[in-house]
C-alpha atoms as a PDB file:
ATOM      1  CA  MET A   1     204.403  47.370   5.398  1.00  0.00           C
ATOM      2  CA  SER A   2     204.983  45.505   2.144  1.00  0.00           C
ATOM      3  CA  LEU A   3     207.475  48.179   1.080  1.00  0.00           C
ATOM      4  CA  LEU A   4     209.405  47.769   4.328  1.00  0.00           C
ATOM      5  CA  ASN A   5     209.443  43.984   3.924  1.00  0.00           C
ATOM      6  CA  SER A   6     210.653  44.348   0.341  1.00  0.00           C
ATOM      7  CA  SER A   7     213.483  46.686   1.380  1.00  0.00           C
ATOM      8  CA  ALA A   8     214.500  44.371   4.194  1.00  0.00           C
ATOM      9  CA  GLY A   9     214.509  41.424   1.797  1.00  0.00           C
ATOM     10  CA  GLN A  10     216.709  43.269  -0.703  1.00  0.00           C
ATOM     11  CA  GLU A  11     219.129  44.276   2.025  1.00  0.00           C
ATOM     12  CA  ALA A  12     219.357  40.679   3.237  1.00  0.00           C
ATOM     13  CA  ARG A  13     220.043  39.437  -0.290  1.00  0.00           C
ATOM     14  CA  ARG A  14     222.762  42.056  -0.806  1.00  0.00           C
ATOM     15  CA  THR A  15     224.399  41.052   2.481  1.00  0.00           C
ATOM     16  CA  LYS A  16     224.248  37.392   1.493  1.00  0.00           C
ATOM     17  CA  ILE A  17     225.748  38.085  -1.944  1.00  0.00           C
ATOM     18  CA  TYR A  18     228.507  40.216  -0.438  1.00  0.00           C
ATOM     19  CA  SER A  19     229.344  37.546   2.149  1.00  0.00           C
ATOM     20  CA  LYS A  20     229.418  34.886  -0.527  1.00  0.00           C
ATOM     21  CA  SER A  21     231.610  37.062  -2.747  1.00  0.00           C
ATOM     22  CA  ALA A  22     234.082  37.764   0.091  1.00  0.00           C
ATOM     23  CA  SER A  23     234.231  34.071   0.912  1.00  0.00           C
ATOM     24  CA  SER A  24     234.798  33.138  -2.731  1.00  0.00           C
ATOM     25  CA  TYR A  25     237.811  35.485  -2.834  1.00  0.00           C
ATOM     26  CA  LEU A  26     239.307  34.510   0.520  1.00  0.00           C
ATOM     27  CA  SER A  27     239.046  30.734   0.151  1.00  0.00           C
ATOM     28  CA  PRO A  28     241.301  30.463  -2.946  1.00  0.00           C
ATOM     29  CA  ALA A  29     243.798  32.845  -1.345  1.00  0.00           C
ATOM     30  CA  LEU A  30     244.068  30.736   1.804  1.00  0.00           C
ATOM     31  CA  LYS A  31     244.278  27.572  -0.306  1.00  0.00           C
ATOM     32  CA  ASP A  32     247.093  29.131  -2.321  1.00  0.00           C
ATOM     33  CA  LEU A  33     249.087  29.847   0.843  1.00  0.00           C
ATOM     34  CA  ALA A  34     248.450  26.354   2.228  1.00  0.00           C
ATOM     35  CA  ASP A  35     249.245  24.557  -1.042  1.00  0.00           C
ATOM     36  CA  GLY A  36     252.387  26.595  -1.488  1.00  0.00           C
ATOM     37  CA  ALA A  37     253.575  25.711   2.018  1.00  0.00           C
ATOM     38  CA  SER A  38     252.886  22.009   1.410  1.00  0.00           C
ATOM     39  CA  GLN A  39     255.211  22.066  -1.602  1.00  0.00           C
ATOM     40  CA  TRP A  40     258.201  22.855   0.592  1.00  0.00           C
ATOM     41  CA  TRP A  41     260.445  20.459  -1.329  1.00  0.00           C
ATOM     42  CA  LEU A  42     259.915  22.524  -4.488  1.00  0.00           C
ATOM     43  CA  TRP A  43     260.736  25.980  -3.144  1.00  0.00           C
ATOM     44  CA  LEU A  44     263.601  24.574  -1.076  1.00  0.00           C
ATOM     45  CA  PHE A  45     265.143  23.086  -4.227  1.00  0.00           C
ATOM     46  CA  MET A  46     264.531  26.287  -6.202  1.00  0.00           C
ATOM     47  CA  ALA A  47     266.085  28.427  -3.452  1.00  0.00           C
ATOM     48  CA  TRP A  48     269.201  26.272  -3.280  1.00  0.00           C
ATOM     49  CA  GLN A  49     269.556  26.309  -7.060  1.00  0.00           C
ATOM     50  CA  ASP A  50     269.296  30.112  -7.024  1.00  0.00           C
ATOM     51  CA  ILE A  51     272.291  30.320  -4.716  1.00  0.00           C
ATOM     52  CA  LEU A  52     274.315  27.802  -6.720  1.00  0.00           C
ATOM     53  CA  LEU A  53     273.608  29.624  -9.979  1.00  0.00           C
ATOM     54  CA  ARG A  54     274.514  32.975  -8.440  1.00  0.00           C
ATOM     55  CA  TYR A  55     278.018  31.703  -7.610  1.00  0.00           C
ATOM     56  CA  ARG A  56     278.496  29.299 -10.492  1.00  0.00           C
ATOM     57  CA  GLY A  57     282.128  29.267 -11.633  1.00  0.00           C
ATOM     58  CA  SER A  58     283.348  30.751  -8.349  1.00  0.00           C
ATOM     59  CA  ALA A  59     286.100  28.936  -6.461  1.00  0.00           C
ATOM     60  CA  LEU A  60     284.577  29.589  -3.028  1.00  0.00           C
ATOM     61  CA  GLY A  61     280.946  29.493  -4.158  1.00  0.00           C
ATOM     62  CA  PRO A  62     278.422  30.531  -1.488  1.00  0.00           C
ATOM     63  CA  LEU A  63     281.298  30.987   0.990  1.00  0.00           C
ATOM     64  CA  TRP A  64     281.814  34.388  -0.633  1.00  0.00           C
ATOM     65  CA  LEU A  65     278.683  35.417   1.288  1.00  0.00           C
ATOM     66  CA  THR A  66     280.398  34.622   4.560  1.00  0.00           C
ATOM     67  CA  LEU A  67     283.717  36.174   3.554  1.00  0.00           C
ATOM     68  CA  SER A  68     282.196  39.471   2.373  1.00  0.00           C
ATOM     69  CA  THR A  69     280.114  39.724   5.550  1.00  0.00           C
ATOM     70  CA  ALA A  70     283.171  39.025   7.733  1.00  0.00           C
ATOM     71  CA  ILE A  71     285.167  41.766   5.993  1.00  0.00           C
ATOM     72  CA  MET A  72     282.324  44.261   6.381  1.00  0.00           C
ATOM     73  CA  VAL A  73     281.779  43.459  10.066  1.00  0.00           C
ATOM     74  CA  GLY A  74     285.489  43.573  10.853  1.00  0.00           C
ATOM     75  CA  THR A  75     286.223  46.895   9.170  1.00  0.00           C
ATOM     76  CA  LEU A  76     283.096  48.697  10.362  1.00  0.00           C
ATOM     77  CA  GLY A  77     283.424  47.220  13.848  1.00  0.00           C
ATOM     78  CA  ILE A  78     286.933  48.565  14.380  1.00  0.00           C
ATOM     79  CA  LEU A  79     286.143  51.942  12.821  1.00  0.00           C
ATOM     80  CA  TYR A  80     282.866  52.698  14.587  1.00  0.00           C
ATOM     81  CA  SER A  81     284.031  51.377  17.947  1.00  0.00           C
ATOM     82  CA  LYS A  82     286.611  54.179  17.854  1.00  0.00           C
ATOM     83  CA  LEU A  83     284.109  56.769  16.663  1.00  0.00           C
ATOM     84  CA  PHE A  84     281.534  55.845  19.314  1.00  0.00           C
ATOM     85  CA  GLU A  85     284.224  55.243  21.967  1.00  0.00           C
ATOM     86  CA  ILE A  86     282.932  51.753  22.749  1.00  0.00           C
ATOM     87  CA  GLU A  87     285.155  48.759  23.470  1.00  0.00           C
ATOM     88  CA  VAL A  88     285.617  46.520  20.428  1.00  0.00           C
ATOM     89  CA  ARG A  89     284.693  43.423  22.448  1.00  0.00           C
ATOM     90  CA  VAL A  90     281.334  45.035  23.263  1.00  0.00           C
ATOM     91  CA  TYR A  91     280.621  46.766  19.969  1.00  0.00           C
ATOM     92  CA  LEU A  92     281.745  44.134  17.430  1.00  0.00           C
ATOM     93  CA  PRO A  93     279.247  41.405  18.471  1.00  0.00           C
ATOM     94  CA  PHE A  94     276.470  44.024  18.573  1.00  0.00           C
ATOM     95  CA  LEU A  95     277.323  45.242  15.067  1.00  0.00           C
ATOM     96  CA  CYS A  96     277.825  41.723  13.720  1.00  0.00           C
ATOM     97  CA  LEU A  97     274.370  40.500  14.718  1.00  0.00           C
ATOM     98  CA  GLY A  98     272.785  43.782  13.690  1.00  0.00           C
ATOM     99  CA  ILE A  99     274.178  43.514  10.158  1.00  0.00           C
ATOM    100  CA  LEU A 100     273.287  39.822   9.862  1.00  0.00           C
ATOM    101  CA  VAL A 101     269.665  40.350  10.866  1.00  0.00           C
ATOM    102  CA  TRP A 102     269.351  43.558   8.860  1.00  0.00           C
ATOM    103  CA  ASN A 103     270.692  41.942   5.682  1.00  0.00           C
ATOM    104  CA  PHE A 104     268.247  39.095   6.203  1.00  0.00           C
ATOM    105  CA  ILE A 105     265.283  41.466   6.496  1.00  0.00           C
ATOM    106  CA  VAL A 106     266.397  43.643   3.588  1.00  0.00           C
ATOM    107  CA  GLY A 107     267.008  40.593   1.397  1.00  0.00           C
ATOM    108  CA  ILE A 108     263.461  39.380   1.947  1.00  0.00           C
ATOM    109  CA  LEU A 109     261.885  42.781   1.284  1.00  0.00           C
ATOM    110  CA  THR A 110     263.902  43.770  -1.775  1.00  0.00           C
ATOM    111  CA  GLU A 111     263.623  40.378  -3.432  1.00  0.00           C
ATOM    112  CA  GLY A 112     259.967  40.226  -2.462  1.00  0.00           C
ATOM    113  CA  CYS A 113     259.353  43.261  -4.663  1.00  0.00           C
ATOM    114  CA  THR A 114     260.302  41.287  -7.769  1.00  0.00           C
ATOM    115  CA  ALA A 115     258.995  37.880  -6.679  1.00  0.00           C
ATOM    116  CA  PHE A 116     256.237  37.720  -9.301  1.00  0.00           C
ATOM    117  CA  ILE A 117     258.076  39.776 -11.919  1.00  0.00           C
ATOM    118  CA  ALA A 118     261.129  37.479 -11.834  1.00  0.00           C
ATOM    119  CA  ALA A 119     258.874  34.400 -12.034  1.00  0.00           C
ATOM    120  CA  GLU A 120     256.900  35.747 -14.982  1.00  0.00           C
ATOM    121  CA  ASN A 121     257.620  32.787 -17.282  1.00  0.00           C
ATOM    122  CA  VAL A 122     256.850  30.233 -14.599  1.00  0.00           C
ATOM    123  CA  ILE A 123     253.582  31.941 -13.660  1.00  0.00           C
ATOM    124  CA  ARG A 124     252.368  31.977 -17.267  1.00  0.00           C
ATOM    125  CA  GLN A 125     253.434  28.459 -18.202  1.00  0.00           C
ATOM    126  CA  ILE A 126     253.126  26.323 -15.061  1.00  0.00           C
ATOM    127  CA  LYS A 127     250.171  26.154 -12.699  1.00  0.00           C
ATOM    128  CA  LEU A 128     251.672  26.635  -9.261  1.00  0.00           C
ATOM    129  CA  PRO A 129     250.471  28.380  -6.107  1.00  0.00           C
ATOM    130  CA  TYR A 130     251.665  31.966  -6.290  1.00  0.00           C
ATOM    131  CA  SER A 131     252.870  31.712  -2.704  1.00  0.00           C
ATOM    132  CA  VAL A 132     255.584  29.270  -3.847  1.00  0.00           C
ATOM    133  CA  HIS A 133     257.524  32.227  -5.223  1.00  0.00           C
ATOM    134  CA  ILE A 134     257.279  34.012  -1.870  1.00  0.00           C
ATOM    135  CA  TYR A 135     258.406  30.934   0.072  1.00  0.00           C
ATOM    136  CA  ARG A 136     261.278  30.552  -2.377  1.00  0.00           C
ATOM    137  CA  ILE A 137     262.563  34.011  -1.474  1.00  0.00           C
ATOM    138  CA  MET A 138     262.165  33.381   2.235  1.00  0.00           C
ATOM    139  CA  CYS A 139     264.065  30.098   2.015  1.00  0.00           C
ATOM    140  CA  ARG A 140     266.832  31.562  -0.126  1.00  0.00           C
ATOM    141  CA  ASN A 141     267.513  34.339   2.354  1.00  0.00           C
ATOM    142  CA  LEU A 142     267.319  31.909   5.261  1.00  0.00           C
ATOM    143  CA  ILE A 143     270.055  29.814   3.646  1.00  0.00           C
ATOM    144  CA  ILE A 144     272.170  32.944   3.167  1.00  0.00           C
ATOM    145  CA  LEU A 145     271.633  33.842   6.829  1.00  0.00           C
ATOM    146  CA  GLY A 146     272.804  30.352   7.775  1.00  0.00           C
ATOM    147  CA  HIS A 147     276.045  30.907   5.864  1.00  0.00           C
ATOM    148  CA  ASN A 148     276.598  34.295   7.477  1.00  0.00           C
ATOM    149  CA  LEU A 149     275.975  33.041  11.022  1.00  0.00           C
ATOM    150  CA  VAL A 150     279.454  31.539  10.846  1.00  0.00           C
ATOM    151  CA  VAL A 151     280.754  35.089  11.302  1.00  0.00           C
ATOM    152  CA  TYR A 152     278.769  35.443  14.544  1.00  0.00           C
ATOM    153  CA  VAL A 153     280.069  32.092  15.822  1.00  0.00           C
ATOM    154  CA  VAL A 154     283.665  33.239  15.271  1.00  0.00           C
ATOM    155  CA  VAL A 155     283.007  36.587  16.976  1.00  0.00           C
ATOM    156  CA  ALA A 156     281.220  34.872  19.898  1.00  0.00           C
ATOM    157  CA  LEU A 157     284.132  32.487  20.421  1.00  0.00           C
ATOM    158  CA  LEU A 158     286.651  35.311  20.110  1.00  0.00           C
ATOM    159  CA  TYR A 159     284.991  37.480  22.773  1.00  0.00           C
ATOM    160  CA  SER A 160     283.442  34.708  24.902  1.00  0.00           C
ATOM    161  CA  ILE A 161     279.824  35.690  24.161  1.00  0.00           C
ATOM    162  CA  VAL A 162     277.340  33.271  25.725  1.00  0.00           C
ATOM    163  CA  PRO A 163     273.756  33.448  24.367  1.00  0.00           C
ATOM    164  CA  SER A 164     271.177  33.849  27.114  1.00  0.00           C
ATOM    165  CA  ASN A 165     268.336  32.025  25.342  1.00  0.00           C
ATOM    166  CA  LEU A 166     268.633  30.522  21.864  1.00  0.00           C
ATOM    167  CA  PHE A 167     264.942  29.648  21.891  1.00  0.00           C
ATOM    168  CA  LEU A 168     263.987  33.322  22.145  1.00  0.00           C
ATOM    169  CA  SER A 169     266.188  34.112  19.151  1.00  0.00           C
ATOM    170  CA  LEU A 170     264.492  31.357  17.167  1.00  0.00           C
ATOM    171  CA  ILE A 171     261.102  32.819  18.054  1.00  0.00           C
ATOM    172  CA  GLY A 172     262.329  36.229  16.912  1.00  0.00           C
ATOM    173  CA  LEU A 173     263.559  34.677  13.664  1.00  0.00           C
ATOM    174  CA  PHE A 174     260.178  33.009  13.202  1.00  0.00           C
ATOM    175  CA  PHE A 175     258.444  36.370  13.596  1.00  0.00           C
ATOM    176  CA  ILE A 176     260.732  37.894  10.958  1.00  0.00           C
ATOM    177  CA  LEU A 177     259.824  35.083   8.562  1.00  0.00           C
ATOM    178  CA  LEU A 178     256.138  35.392   9.379  1.00  0.00           C
ATOM    179  CA  ASN A 179     256.114  39.127   8.772  1.00  0.00           C
ATOM    180  CA  GLY A 180     258.473  38.881   5.834  1.00  0.00           C
ATOM    181  CA  ALA A 181     255.959  36.589   4.134  1.00  0.00           C
ATOM    182  CA  TRP A 182     253.039  39.029   4.281  1.00  0.00           C
ATOM    183  CA  PHE A 183     255.217  42.024   3.498  1.00  0.00           C
ATOM    184  CA  SER A 184     256.820  40.289   0.491  1.00  0.00           C
ATOM    185  CA  LEU A 185     253.440  39.104  -0.759  1.00  0.00           C
ATOM    186  CA  THR A 186     252.025  42.627  -0.578  1.00  0.00           C
ATOM    187  CA  LEU A 187     255.085  44.173  -2.219  1.00  0.00           C
ATOM    188  CA  ALA A 188     255.104  41.503  -4.937  1.00  0.00           C
ATOM    189  CA  LEU A 189     251.503  42.342  -5.830  1.00  0.00           C
ATOM    190  CA  ILE A 190     252.041  46.092  -5.816  1.00  0.00           C
ATOM    191  CA  CYS A 191     255.330  45.923  -7.748  1.00  0.00           C
ATOM    192  CA  ALA A 192     253.821  43.622 -10.374  1.00  0.00           C
ATOM    193  CA  ARG A 193     251.339  46.393 -11.108  1.00  0.00           C
ATOM    194  CA  PHE A 194     253.580  49.422 -10.525  1.00  0.00           C
ATOM    195  CA  ARG A 195     257.175  48.801 -11.636  1.00  0.00           C
ATOM    196  CA  ASP A 196     258.601  51.935  -9.991  1.00  0.00           C
ATOM    197  CA  VAL A 197     257.894  50.689  -6.475  1.00  0.00           C
ATOM    198  CA  PRO A 198     261.048  48.469  -6.124  1.00  0.00           C
ATOM    199  CA  MET A 199     263.276  51.541  -6.510  1.00  0.00           C
ATOM    200  CA  ILE A 200     261.213  53.403  -3.913  1.00  0.00           C
ATOM    201  CA  VAL A 201     261.456  50.489  -1.458  1.00  0.00           C
ATOM    202  CA  SER A 202     265.209  50.221  -1.998  1.00  0.00           C
ATOM    203  CA  SER A 203     265.686  53.933  -1.294  1.00  0.00           C
ATOM    204  CA  LEU A 204     263.531  53.807   1.835  1.00  0.00           C
ATOM    205  CA  LEU A 205     265.480  50.828   3.180  1.00  0.00           C
ATOM    206  CA  GLN A 206     268.759  52.690   2.711  1.00  0.00           C
ATOM    207  CA  VAL A 207     267.414  55.519   4.853  1.00  0.00           C
ATOM    208  CA  ALA A 208     265.939  53.057   7.368  1.00  0.00           C
ATOM    209  CA  PHE A 209     269.374  51.473   7.863  1.00  0.00           C
ATOM    210  CA  PHE A 210     270.698  54.670   9.440  1.00  0.00           C
ATOM    211  CA  LEU A 211     267.524  55.229  11.465  1.00  0.00           C
ATOM    212  CA  THR A 212     267.610  51.719  12.926  1.00  0.00           C
ATOM    213  CA  PRO A 213     270.031  50.807  15.759  1.00  0.00           C
ATOM    214  CA  ILE A 214     272.272  48.616  13.613  1.00  0.00           C
ATOM    215  CA  ILE A 215     275.597  50.476  13.726  1.00  0.00           C
ATOM    216  CA  TRP A 216     274.643  52.627  16.720  1.00  0.00           C
ATOM    217  CA  LYS A 217     273.333  51.625  20.138  1.00  0.00           C
ATOM    218  CA  PRO A 218     270.073  53.142  21.468  1.00  0.00           C
ATOM    219  CA  SER A 219     271.929  54.192  24.611  1.00  0.00           C
ATOM    220  CA  LEU A 220     273.766  56.798  22.519  1.00  0.00           C
ATOM    221  CA  LEU A 221     270.487  58.742  22.370  1.00  0.00           C
ATOM    222  CA  GLY A 222     270.710  59.347  26.099  1.00  0.00           C
ATOM    223  CA  PRO A 223     267.370  60.388  27.656  1.00  0.00           C
ATOM    224  CA  GLN A 224     265.758  60.039  24.207  1.00  0.00           C
ATOM    225  CA  ALA A 225     266.653  56.331  23.915  1.00  0.00           C
ATOM    226  CA  TYR A 226     262.938  55.531  23.868  1.00  0.00           C
ATOM    227  CA  LEU A 227     262.782  57.030  20.356  1.00  0.00           C
ATOM    228  CA  ALA A 228     264.441  53.875  19.014  1.00  0.00           C
ATOM    229  CA  HIS A 229     261.222  51.988  19.739  1.00  0.00           C
ATOM    230  CA  LEU A 230     259.333  54.214  17.329  1.00  0.00           C
ATOM    231  CA  ASN A 231     261.107  52.310  14.571  1.00  0.00           C
ATOM    232  CA  PRO A 232     259.330  48.923  14.184  1.00  0.00           C
ATOM    233  CA  LEU A 233     262.359  47.434  12.412  1.00  0.00           C
ATOM    234  CA  TYR A 234     264.313  47.791  15.642  1.00  0.00           C
ATOM    235  CA  ALA A 235     261.846  45.481  17.400  1.00  0.00           C
ATOM    236  CA  PHE A 236     262.512  42.661  14.933  1.00  0.00           C
ATOM    237  CA  VAL A 237     266.276  43.085  15.175  1.00  0.00           C
ATOM    238  CA  ASP A 238     266.116  43.244  18.976  1.00  0.00           C
ATOM    239  CA  LEU A 239     264.215  39.945  19.311  1.00  0.00           C
ATOM    240  CA  VAL A 240     266.973  38.045  17.516  1.00  0.00           C
ATOM    241  CA  ARG A 241     270.047  40.017  18.546  1.00  0.00           C
ATOM    242  CA  ALA A 242     269.520  40.519  22.290  1.00  0.00           C
ATOM    243  CA  PRO A 243     269.376  36.813  23.326  1.00  0.00           C
ATOM    244  CA  LEU A 244     272.443  36.008  21.195  1.00  0.00           C
ATOM    245  CA  LEU A 245     274.328  38.767  23.015  1.00  0.00           C
ATOM    246  CA  GLY A 246     273.371  37.288  26.377  1.00  0.00           C
ATOM    247  CA  GLU A 247     270.721  39.947  26.971  1.00  0.00           C
ATOM    248  CA  THR A 248     266.931  40.036  27.224  1.00  0.00           C
ATOM    249  CA  PRO A 249     264.807  41.613  24.473  1.00  0.00           C
ATOM    250  CA  ASP A 250     262.874  44.699  25.474  1.00  0.00           C
ATOM    251  CA  PRO A 251     259.237  43.761  26.332  1.00  0.00           C
ATOM    252  CA  ILE A 252     258.072  46.570  24.039  1.00  0.00           C
ATOM    253  CA  SER A 253     259.613  44.701  21.098  1.00  0.00           C
ATOM    254  CA  TRP A 254     257.311  41.719  21.691  1.00  0.00           C
ATOM    255  CA  TRP A 255     254.226  43.936  21.712  1.00  0.00           C
ATOM    256  CA  VAL A 256     255.281  45.824  18.591  1.00  0.00           C
ATOM    257  CA  VAL A 257     256.068  42.670  16.619  1.00  0.00           C
ATOM    258  CA  SER A 258     252.868  40.912  17.707  1.00  0.00           C
ATOM    259  CA  GLY A 259     250.725  43.883  16.709  1.00  0.00           C
ATOM    260  CA  ILE A 260     252.422  44.245  13.329  1.00  0.00           C
ATOM    261  CA  THR A 261     251.989  40.530  12.648  1.00  0.00           C
ATOM    262  CA  ILE A 262     248.241  40.535  13.309  1.00  0.00           C
ATOM    263  CA  VAL A 263     247.460  43.760  11.461  1.00  0.00           C
ATOM    264  CA  GLY A 264     249.816  42.984   8.580  1.00  0.00           C
ATOM    265  CA  TRP A 265     248.399  39.552   7.851  1.00  0.00           C
ATOM    266  CA  ALA A 266     244.807  40.786   8.112  1.00  0.00           C
ATOM    267  CA  ILE A 267     245.458  43.481   5.488  1.00  0.00           C
ATOM    268  CA  THR A 268     247.537  41.194   3.262  1.00  0.00           C
ATOM    269  CA  LEU A 269     244.955  38.402   3.204  1.00  0.00           C
ATOM    270  CA  ALA A 270     242.274  40.850   2.092  1.00  0.00           C
ATOM    271  CA  PHE A 271     244.600  42.360  -0.505  1.00  0.00           C
ATOM    272  CA  PHE A 272     245.831  39.000  -1.827  1.00  0.00           C
ATOM    273  CA  ALA A 273     242.310  37.606  -1.972  1.00  0.00           C
ATOM    274  CA  ARG A 274     241.081  40.587  -3.954  1.00  0.00           C
ATOM    275  CA  PHE A 275     243.886  40.848  -6.535  1.00  0.00           C
ATOM    276  CA  ARG A 276     245.272  37.311  -6.702  1.00  0.00           C
ATOM    277  CA  ALA A 277     243.520  36.527 -10.001  1.00  0.00           C
ATOM    278  CA  ARG A 278     245.173  39.512 -11.694  1.00  0.00           C
ATOM    279  CA  ILE A 279     248.770  38.406 -11.102  1.00  0.00           C
ATOM    280  CA  PRO A 280     249.190  36.684 -14.517  1.00  0.00           C
ATOM    281  CA  TYR A 281     247.977  39.847 -16.282  1.00  0.00           C
ATOM    282  CA  TRP A 282     250.257  42.161 -14.320  1.00  0.00           C
ATOM    283  CA  THR A 283     253.494  40.172 -14.785  1.00  0.00           C
END
């Protein structure tokens, strides 16, 4: 009996120690995310400065973002509308929004890979929440998206496109930001430790571009159109693009995005909590 009581007592102590250890890891991680979000003025300023420095000495400045996007949308829109035998007035708005949203997602993911590596000096010299560097990337790409939306406005006016529900598009954009945050945080941690990962991510995104309905419509798959939903990136694009085209997002997209958000953040919080303290040593 005494042996059983002793074993039970040891098991209880191990459970208590484990729970305390898990809590001690998770609490600083959550505090880091909260403190980083509260310093919005800092990462907003840093993001804006990044864009100004990128186009310093340029006559048009950040407007080059809009001009280059307009040229790409115009040329590809005319070309692929002929190849796919779709009217330009139908295809061009579809392609325009697809490219805008895709570039936004890709910008967050690719820059997220080097978030901690690029901020190496700041991390080692200034005590800041690590999440500030993630929010900085998110904000920077959001500003770029704002510049590029001018192209959509011109296309919408040209072809009389009336958005069906701007609020739904904003919710879709919020979900992209929410998922971009956990994905960038995870990639930033992994890439800080393994420097080959950014090249792998970049290559995978290039392949994903052709597998995602950005330049082609799911209807082109015919009876196999449902296969487009097997690509989770399509769900994120659909939530933003469909309402701005005057359409309704597929209900499956909402379920896919919601599931990815919950699972992604659960895994990322555990990962960030466990390896957060090692960031200064990895960068």
